[in-house]
Full PDB file with SEQRES, HELIX, SHEET, SSBOND, CRYST1, ORIGX, SCALE, CONECT and MASTER records, all heavy atoms in Angstrom:
SEQRES   1 A   30  THR ILE SER ARG ASP ASN ALA LYS LYS THR VAL TYR LEU          
SEQRES   2 A   30  GLN LEU ASN SER LEU LYS PRO GLU ASP THR ALA VAL TYR          
SEQRES   3 A   30  TYR CYS ALA ALA                                              
HELIX    1 AA1 PRO A   20  ASP A   22  5                                   3    
SHEET    1 AA1 2 ILE A   2  ASP A   5  0                                        
SHEET    2 AA1 2 THR A  10  LEU A  13 -1                                        
CRYST1    1.000    1.000    1.000  90.00  90.00  90.00 P 1           1          
ORIGX1      1.000000  0.000000  0.000000        0.00000                         
ORIGX2      0.000000  1.000000  0.000000        0.00000                         
ORIGX3      0.000000  0.000000  1.000000        0.00000                         
SCALE1      1.000000  0.000000  0.000000        0.00000                         
SCALE2      0.000000  1.000000  0.000000        0.00000                         
SCALE3      0.000000  0.000000  1.000000        0.00000                         
ATOM      1  N   THR A   1     -35.353 -19.169  29.163  1.00  0.00           N  
ATOM      2  CA  THR A   1     -34.375 -19.822  30.032  1.00  0.00           C  
ATOM      3  C   THR A   1     -33.193 -18.894  30.256  1.00  0.00           C  
ATOM      4  O   THR A   1     -32.607 -18.394  29.288  1.00  0.00           O  
ATOM      5  CB  THR A   1     -33.879 -21.134  29.419  1.00  0.00           C  
ATOM      6  OG1 THR A   1     -34.990 -22.004  29.167  1.00  0.00           O  
ATOM      7  CG2 THR A   1     -32.906 -21.829  30.368  1.00  0.00           C  
ATOM      8  N   ILE A   2     -32.853 -18.662  31.524  1.00  0.00           N  
ATOM      9  CA  ILE A   2     -31.696 -17.843  31.862  1.00  0.00           C  
ATOM     10  C   ILE A   2     -30.545 -18.755  32.253  1.00  0.00           C  
ATOM     11  O   ILE A   2     -30.752 -19.785  32.902  1.00  0.00           O  
ATOM     12  CB  ILE A   2     -32.036 -16.830  32.981  1.00  0.00           C  
ATOM     13  CG1 ILE A   2     -30.915 -15.803  33.145  1.00  0.00           C  
ATOM     14  CG2 ILE A   2     -32.340 -17.546  34.291  1.00  0.00           C  
ATOM     15  CD1 ILE A   2     -31.299 -14.634  34.064  1.00  0.00           C  
ATOM     16  N   SER A   3     -29.342 -18.367  31.847  1.00  0.00           N  
ATOM     17  CA  SER A   3     -28.161 -19.146  32.186  1.00  0.00           C  
ATOM     18  C   SER A   3     -26.964 -18.209  32.229  1.00  0.00           C  
ATOM     19  O   SER A   3     -27.072 -17.032  31.842  1.00  0.00           O  
ATOM     20  CB  SER A   3     -27.920 -20.255  31.163  1.00  0.00           C  
ATOM     21  OG  SER A   3     -27.697 -19.698  29.866  1.00  0.00           O  
ATOM     22  N   ARG A   4     -25.836 -18.720  32.714  1.00  0.00           N  
ATOM     23  CA  ARG A   4     -24.643 -17.884  32.743  1.00  0.00           C  
ATOM     24  C   ARG A   4     -23.412 -18.705  32.423  1.00  0.00           C  
ATOM     25  O   ARG A   4     -23.352 -19.897  32.697  1.00  0.00           O  
ATOM     26  CB  ARG A   4     -24.529 -17.190  34.102  1.00  0.00           C  
ATOM     27  CG  ARG A   4     -24.315 -18.123  35.272  1.00  0.00           C  
ATOM     28  CD  ARG A   4     -22.957 -17.862  35.901  1.00  0.00           C  
ATOM     29  NE  ARG A   4     -22.799 -18.595  37.142  1.00  0.00           N  
ATOM     30  CZ  ARG A   4     -22.218 -19.784  37.220  1.00  0.00           C  
ATOM     31  NH1 ARG A   4     -21.775 -20.387  36.122  1.00  0.00           N  
ATOM     32  NH2 ARG A   4     -22.073 -20.391  38.375  1.00  0.00           N  
ATOM     33  N   ASP A   5     -22.442 -18.009  31.847  1.00  0.00           N  
ATOM     34  CA  ASP A   5     -21.138 -18.604  31.549  1.00  0.00           C  
ATOM     35  C   ASP A   5     -20.128 -17.872  32.429  1.00  0.00           C  
ATOM     36  O   ASP A   5     -19.827 -16.698  32.198  1.00  0.00           O  
ATOM     37  CB  ASP A   5     -20.814 -18.432  30.062  1.00  0.00           C  
ATOM     38  CG  ASP A   5     -19.518 -19.110  29.676  1.00  0.00           C  
ATOM     39  OD1 ASP A   5     -18.547 -19.074  30.461  1.00  0.00           O  
ATOM     40  OD2 ASP A   5     -19.458 -19.666  28.564  1.00  0.00           O  
ATOM     41  N   ASN A   6     -19.617 -18.565  33.423  1.00  0.00           N  
ATOM     42  CA  ASN A   6     -18.733 -17.923  34.400  1.00  0.00           C  
ATOM     43  C   ASN A   6     -17.451 -17.433  33.749  1.00  0.00           C  
ATOM     44  O   ASN A   6     -16.974 -16.335  34.038  1.00  0.00           O  
ATOM     45  CB  ASN A   6     -18.428 -18.906  35.518  1.00  0.00           C  
ATOM     46  CG  ASN A   6     -17.766 -18.237  36.701  1.00  0.00           C  
ATOM     47  OD1 ASN A   6     -18.160 -17.136  37.087  1.00  0.00           O  
ATOM     48  ND2 ASN A   6     -16.760 -18.865  37.258  1.00  0.00           N  
ATOM     49  N   ALA A   7     -16.878 -18.230  32.850  1.00  0.00           N  
ATOM     50  CA  ALA A   7     -15.610 -17.869  32.218  1.00  0.00           C  
ATOM     51  C   ALA A   7     -15.755 -16.607  31.364  1.00  0.00           C  
ATOM     52  O   ALA A   7     -14.857 -15.774  31.299  1.00  0.00           O  
ATOM     53  CB  ALA A   7     -15.101 -19.022  31.368  1.00  0.00           C  
ATOM     54  N   LYS A   8     -16.893 -16.459  30.707  1.00  0.00           N  
ATOM     55  CA  LYS A   8     -17.120 -15.299  29.841  1.00  0.00           C  
ATOM     56  C   LYS A   8     -17.802 -14.159  30.577  1.00  0.00           C  
ATOM     57  O   LYS A   8     -18.010 -13.086  29.997  1.00  0.00           O  
ATOM     58  CB  LYS A   8     -17.976 -15.703  28.638  1.00  0.00           C  
ATOM     59  CG  LYS A   8     -17.310 -16.706  27.714  1.00  0.00           C  
ATOM     60  CD  LYS A   8     -18.199 -17.026  26.526  1.00  0.00           C  
ATOM     61  CE  LYS A   8     -17.520 -17.997  25.582  1.00  0.00           C  
ATOM     62  NZ  LYS A   8     -18.375 -18.334  24.416  1.00  0.00           N  
ATOM     63  N   LYS A   9     -18.182 -14.391  31.842  1.00  0.00           N  
ATOM     64  CA  LYS A   9     -18.909 -13.381  32.626  1.00  0.00           C  
ATOM     65  C   LYS A   9     -20.094 -12.849  31.819  1.00  0.00           C  
ATOM     66  O   LYS A   9     -20.316 -11.643  31.700  1.00  0.00           O  
ATOM     67  CB  LYS A   9     -17.982 -12.258  33.062  1.00  0.00           C  
ATOM     68  CG  LYS A   9     -16.931 -12.717  34.063  1.00  0.00           C  
ATOM     69  CD  LYS A   9     -16.005 -11.594  34.499  1.00  0.00           C  
ATOM     70  CE  LYS A   9     -16.645 -10.679  35.479  1.00  0.00           C  
ATOM     71  NZ  LYS A   9     -15.697  -9.690  36.031  1.00  0.00           N  
ATOM     72  N   THR A  10     -20.841 -13.773  31.289  1.00  0.00           N  
ATOM     73  CA  THR A  10     -21.968 -13.439  30.437  1.00  0.00           C  
ATOM     74  C   THR A  10     -23.210 -14.201  30.892  1.00  0.00           C  
ATOM     75  O   THR A  10     -23.119 -15.381  31.242  1.00  0.00           O  
ATOM     76  CB  THR A  10     -21.669 -13.776  28.971  1.00  0.00           C  
ATOM     77  OG1 THR A  10     -20.544 -12.996  28.541  1.00  0.00           O  
ATOM     78  CG2 THR A  10     -22.858 -13.462  28.070  1.00  0.00           C  
ATOM     79  N   VAL A  11     -24.323 -13.508  30.908  1.00  0.00           N  
ATOM     80  CA  VAL A  11     -25.612 -14.112  31.215  1.00  0.00           C  
ATOM     81  C   VAL A  11     -26.436 -14.130  29.934  1.00  0.00           C  
ATOM     82  O   VAL A  11     -26.458 -13.151  29.185  1.00  0.00           O  
ATOM     83  CB  VAL A  11     -26.340 -13.330  32.322  1.00  0.00           C  
ATOM     84  CG1 VAL A  11     -27.769 -13.827  32.498  1.00  0.00           C  
ATOM     85  CG2 VAL A  11     -25.580 -13.451  33.639  1.00  0.00           C  
ATOM     86  N   TYR A  12     -27.108 -15.238  29.711  1.00  0.00           N  
ATOM     87  CA  TYR A  12     -27.904 -15.414  28.506  1.00  0.00           C  
ATOM     88  C   TYR A  12     -29.384 -15.528  28.866  1.00  0.00           C  
ATOM     89  O   TYR A  12     -29.743 -16.046  29.926  1.00  0.00           O  
ATOM     90  CB  TYR A  12     -27.483 -16.676  27.750  1.00  0.00           C  
ATOM     91  CG  TYR A  12     -26.028 -16.691  27.376  1.00  0.00           C  
ATOM     92  CD1 TYR A  12     -25.099 -17.408  28.126  1.00  0.00           C  
ATOM     93  CD2 TYR A  12     -25.576 -15.984  26.268  1.00  0.00           C  
ATOM     94  CE1 TYR A  12     -23.764 -17.426  27.780  1.00  0.00           C  
ATOM     95  CE2 TYR A  12     -24.232 -15.997  25.915  1.00  0.00           C  
ATOM     96  CZ  TYR A  12     -23.334 -16.712  26.680  1.00  0.00           C  
ATOM     97  OH  TYR A  12     -22.010 -16.729  26.326  1.00  0.00           O  
ATOM     98  N   LEU A  13     -30.212 -15.073  27.966  1.00  0.00           N  
ATOM     99  CA  LEU A  13     -31.647 -15.294  28.094  1.00  0.00           C  
ATOM    100  C   LEU A  13     -32.130 -15.878  26.773  1.00  0.00           C  
ATOM    101  O   LEU A  13     -32.121 -15.191  25.745  1.00  0.00           O  
ATOM    102  CB  LEU A  13     -32.397 -14.003  28.409  1.00  0.00           C  
ATOM    103  CG  LEU A  13     -33.888 -14.177  28.686  1.00  0.00           C  
ATOM    104  CD1 LEU A  13     -34.096 -14.957  29.995  1.00  0.00           C  
ATOM    105  CD2 LEU A  13     -34.593 -12.825  28.767  1.00  0.00           C  
ATOM    106  N   GLN A  14     -32.476 -17.150  26.804  1.00  0.00           N  
ATOM    107  CA  GLN A  14     -33.006 -17.827  25.631  1.00  0.00           C  
ATOM    108  C   GLN A  14     -34.519 -17.615  25.584  1.00  0.00           C  
ATOM    109  O   GLN A  14     -35.227 -17.986  26.531  1.00  0.00           O  
ATOM    110  CB  GLN A  14     -32.692 -19.321  25.690  1.00  0.00           C  
ATOM    111  CG  GLN A  14     -33.209 -20.120  24.515  1.00  0.00           C  
ATOM    112  CD  GLN A  14     -32.522 -19.777  23.209  1.00  0.00           C  
ATOM    113  OE1 GLN A  14     -31.315 -19.572  23.171  1.00  0.00           O  
ATOM    114  NE2 GLN A  14     -33.293 -19.709  22.125  1.00  0.00           N  
ATOM    115  N   LEU A  15     -34.990 -17.023  24.507  1.00  0.00           N  
ATOM    116  CA  LEU A  15     -36.403 -16.719  24.353  1.00  0.00           C  
ATOM    117  C   LEU A  15     -36.988 -17.662  23.297  1.00  0.00           C  
ATOM    118  O   LEU A  15     -36.630 -17.576  22.125  1.00  0.00           O  
ATOM    119  CB  LEU A  15     -36.606 -15.279  23.900  1.00  0.00           C  
ATOM    120  CG  LEU A  15     -36.313 -14.122  24.858  1.00  0.00           C  
ATOM    121  CD1 LEU A  15     -34.839 -14.058  25.240  1.00  0.00           C  
ATOM    122  CD2 LEU A  15     -36.751 -12.816  24.264  1.00  0.00           C  
ATOM    123  N   ASN A  16     -37.856 -18.556  23.702  1.00  0.00           N  
ATOM    124  CA  ASN A  16     -38.513 -19.490  22.786  1.00  0.00           C  
ATOM    125  C   ASN A  16     -40.015 -19.226  22.759  1.00  0.00           C  
ATOM    126  O   ASN A  16     -40.560 -18.587  23.646  1.00  0.00           O  
ATOM    127  CB  ASN A  16     -38.248 -20.930  23.206  1.00  0.00           C  
ATOM    128  CG  ASN A  16     -36.792 -21.317  23.119  1.00  0.00           C  
ATOM    129  OD1 ASN A  16     -36.032 -20.782  22.299  1.00  0.00           O  
ATOM    130  ND2 ASN A  16     -36.366 -22.246  23.961  1.00  0.00           N  
ATOM    131  N   SER A  17     -40.660 -19.735  21.716  1.00  0.00           N  
ATOM    132  CA  SER A  17     -42.115 -19.606  21.575  1.00  0.00           C  
ATOM    133  C   SER A  17     -42.556 -18.166  21.776  1.00  0.00           C  
ATOM    134  O   SER A  17     -43.495 -17.878  22.516  1.00  0.00           O  
ATOM    135  CB  SER A  17     -42.827 -20.529  22.571  1.00  0.00           C  
ATOM    136  OG  SER A  17     -42.438 -21.869  22.401  1.00  0.00           O  
ATOM    137  N   LEU A  18     -41.877 -17.269  21.093  1.00  0.00           N  
ATOM    138  CA  LEU A  18     -42.133 -15.847  21.295  1.00  0.00           C  
ATOM    139  C   LEU A  18     -43.531 -15.450  20.825  1.00  0.00           C  
ATOM    140  O   LEU A  18     -44.058 -15.993  19.847  1.00  0.00           O  
ATOM    141  CB  LEU A  18     -41.071 -15.021  20.565  1.00  0.00           C  
ATOM    142  CG  LEU A  18     -39.728 -14.943  21.313  1.00  0.00           C  
ATOM    143  CD1 LEU A  18     -38.611 -14.512  20.389  1.00  0.00           C  
ATOM    144  CD2 LEU A  18     -39.849 -13.995  22.500  1.00  0.00           C  
ATOM    145  N   LYS A  19     -44.088 -14.494  21.532  1.00  0.00           N  
ATOM    146  CA  LYS A  19     -45.420 -13.969  21.246  1.00  0.00           C  
ATOM    147  C   LYS A  19     -45.312 -12.471  20.973  1.00  0.00           C  
ATOM    148  O   LYS A  19     -44.382 -11.816  21.472  1.00  0.00           O  
ATOM    149  CB  LYS A  19     -46.336 -14.197  22.443  1.00  0.00           C  
ATOM    150  CG  LYS A  19     -46.415 -15.632  22.928  1.00  0.00           C  
ATOM    151  CD  LYS A  19     -47.242 -15.719  24.197  1.00  0.00           C  
ATOM    152  CE  LYS A  19     -47.303 -17.147  24.724  1.00  0.00           C  
ATOM    153  NZ  LYS A  19     -48.086 -17.231  25.984  1.00  0.00           N  
ATOM    154  N   PRO A  20     -46.254 -11.914  20.256  1.00  0.00           N  
ATOM    155  CA  PRO A  20     -46.213 -10.455  20.022  1.00  0.00           C  
ATOM    156  C   PRO A  20     -46.159  -9.658  21.321  1.00  0.00           C  
ATOM    157  O   PRO A  20     -45.518  -8.588  21.371  1.00  0.00           O  
ATOM    158  CB  PRO A  20     -47.506 -10.197  19.251  1.00  0.00           C  
ATOM    159  CG  PRO A  20     -47.752 -11.470  18.517  1.00  0.00           C  
ATOM    160  CD  PRO A  20     -47.311 -12.563  19.464  1.00  0.00           C  
ATOM    161  N   GLU A  21     -46.771 -10.153  22.368  1.00  0.00           N  
ATOM    162  CA  GLU A  21     -46.757  -9.438  23.651  1.00  0.00           C  
ATOM    163  C   GLU A  21     -45.397  -9.480  24.339  1.00  0.00           C  
ATOM    164  O   GLU A  21     -45.201  -8.834  25.371  1.00  0.00           O  
ATOM    165  CB  GLU A  21     -47.846  -9.965  24.593  1.00  0.00           C  
ATOM    166  CG  GLU A  21     -47.844 -11.465  24.779  1.00  0.00           C  
ATOM    167  CD  GLU A  21     -48.844 -12.156  23.868  1.00  0.00           C  
ATOM    168  OE1 GLU A  21     -48.938 -11.786  22.671  1.00  0.00           O  
ATOM    169  OE2 GLU A  21     -49.527 -13.097  24.355  1.00  0.00           O  
ATOM    170  N   ASP A  22     -44.445 -10.217  23.797  1.00  0.00           N  
ATOM    171  CA  ASP A  22     -43.080 -10.206  24.317  1.00  0.00           C  
ATOM    172  C   ASP A  22     -42.282  -9.037  23.754  1.00  0.00           C  
ATOM    173  O   ASP A  22     -41.137  -8.805  24.167  1.00  0.00           O  
ATOM    174  CB  ASP A  22     -42.353 -11.508  23.970  1.00  0.00           C  
ATOM    175  CG  ASP A  22     -42.939 -12.715  24.677  1.00  0.00           C  
ATOM    176  OD1 ASP A  22     -43.258 -12.601  25.872  1.00  0.00           O  
ATOM    177  OD2 ASP A  22     -43.071 -13.773  24.029  1.00  0.00           O  
ATOM    178  N   THR A  23     -42.858  -8.310  22.818  1.00  0.00           N  
ATOM    179  CA  THR A  23     -42.180  -7.157  22.231  1.00  0.00           C  
ATOM    180  C   THR A  23     -41.897  -6.110  23.298  1.00  0.00           C  
ATOM    181  O   THR A  23     -42.802  -5.683  24.021  1.00  0.00           O  
ATOM    182  CB  THR A  23     -43.038  -6.542  21.114  1.00  0.00           C  
ATOM    183  OG1 THR A  23     -43.159  -7.487  20.046  1.00  0.00           O  
ATOM    184  CG2 THR A  23     -42.423  -5.254  20.595  1.00  0.00           C  
ATOM    185  N   ALA A  24     -40.625  -5.726  23.415  1.00  0.00           N  
ATOM    186  CA  ALA A  24     -40.209  -4.777  24.447  1.00  0.00           C  
ATOM    187  C   ALA A  24     -38.716  -4.493  24.295  1.00  0.00           C  
ATOM    188  O   ALA A  24     -38.019  -5.193  23.542  1.00  0.00           O  
ATOM    189  CB  ALA A  24     -40.482  -5.348  25.843  1.00  0.00           C  
ATOM    190  N   VAL A  25     -38.251  -3.504  25.037  1.00  0.00           N  
ATOM    191  CA  VAL A  25     -36.808  -3.337  25.233  1.00  0.00           C  
ATOM    192  C   VAL A  25     -36.433  -4.189  26.437  1.00  0.00           C  
ATOM    193  O   VAL A  25     -37.040  -4.061  27.509  1.00  0.00           O  
ATOM    194  CB  VAL A  25     -36.433  -1.872  25.463  1.00  0.00           C  
ATOM    195  CG1 VAL A  25     -34.932  -1.757  25.711  1.00  0.00           C  
ATOM    196  CG2 VAL A  25     -36.844  -1.022  24.268  1.00  0.00           C  
ATOM    197  N   TYR A  26     -35.458  -5.041  26.245  1.00  0.00           N  
ATOM    198  CA  TYR A  26     -35.008  -5.935  27.309  1.00  0.00           C  
ATOM    199  C   TYR A  26     -33.724  -5.378  27.924  1.00  0.00           C  
ATOM    200  O   TYR A  26     -32.769  -5.071  27.210  1.00  0.00           O  
ATOM    201  CB  TYR A  26     -34.768  -7.334  26.752  1.00  0.00           C  
ATOM    202  CG  TYR A  26     -36.055  -8.087  26.516  1.00  0.00           C  
ATOM    203  CD1 TYR A  26     -36.933  -7.713  25.500  1.00  0.00           C  
ATOM    204  CD2 TYR A  26     -36.417  -9.154  27.328  1.00  0.00           C  
ATOM    205  CE1 TYR A  26     -38.131  -8.390  25.295  1.00  0.00           C  
ATOM    206  CE2 TYR A  26     -37.602  -9.840  27.132  1.00  0.00           C  
ATOM    207  CZ  TYR A  26     -38.454  -9.452  26.121  1.00  0.00           C  
ATOM    208  OH  TYR A  26     -39.643 -10.126  25.923  1.00  0.00           O  
ATOM    209  N   TYR A  27     -33.722  -5.271  29.257  1.00  0.00           N  
ATOM    210  CA  TYR A  27     -32.602  -4.718  29.987  1.00  0.00           C  
ATOM    211  C   TYR A  27     -31.974  -5.776  30.881  1.00  0.00           C  
ATOM    212  O   TYR A  27     -32.684  -6.538  31.549  1.00  0.00           O  
ATOM    213  CB  TYR A  27     -33.056  -3.558  30.869  1.00  0.00           C  
ATOM    214  CG  TYR A  27     -33.592  -2.374  30.125  1.00  0.00           C  
ATOM    215  CD1 TYR A  27     -34.957  -2.267  29.860  1.00  0.00           C  
ATOM    216  CD2 TYR A  27     -32.750  -1.351  29.702  1.00  0.00           C  
ATOM    217  CE1 TYR A  27     -35.463  -1.170  29.169  1.00  0.00           C  
ATOM    218  CE2 TYR A  27     -33.247  -0.250  29.012  1.00  0.00           C  
ATOM    219  CZ  TYR A  27     -34.595  -0.178  28.757  1.00  0.00           C  
ATOM    220  OH  TYR A  27     -35.096   0.915  28.079  1.00  0.00           O  
ATOM    221  N   CYS A  28     -30.667  -5.780  30.916  1.00  0.00           N  
ATOM    222  CA  CYS A  28     -29.921  -6.594  31.860  1.00  0.00           C  
ATOM    223  C   CYS A  28     -29.638  -5.740  33.092  1.00  0.00           C  
ATOM    224  O   CYS A  28     -29.365  -4.531  32.962  1.00  0.00           O  
ATOM    225  CB  CYS A  28     -28.623  -7.047  31.208  1.00  0.00           C  
ATOM    226  SG  CYS A  28     -27.558  -8.028  32.255  1.00  0.00           S  
ATOM    227  N   ALA A  29     -29.694  -6.334  34.268  1.00  0.00           N  
ATOM    228  CA  ALA A  29     -29.457  -5.597  35.502  1.00  0.00           C  
ATOM    229  C   ALA A  29     -28.753  -6.505  36.505  1.00  0.00           C  
ATOM    230  O   ALA A  29     -28.876  -7.734  36.433  1.00  0.00           O  
ATOM    231  CB  ALA A  29     -30.773  -5.098  36.074  1.00  0.00           C  
ATOM    232  N   ALA A  30     -28.060  -5.888  37.447  1.00  0.00           N  
ATOM    233  CA  ALA A  30     -27.314  -6.683  38.423  1.00  0.00           C  
ATOM    234  C   ALA A  30     -27.189  -5.933  39.743  1.00  0.00           C  
ATOM    235  O   ALA A  30     -27.173  -4.694  39.771  1.00  0.00           O  
ATOM    236  CB  ALA A  30     -25.922  -7.018  37.894  1.00  0.00           C  
TER     237      ALA A  30                                                      
MASTER        0    0    0    1    2    0    0    6  236    1    0    3          
END                                                                             
């Protein structure tokens, strides 16, 4: 689930039910 907090100018990515195939370097981009 992706979400954002406008006041903190922060975007979050909640990762649930993780699998081994989710292993990676995660990059934020805009």
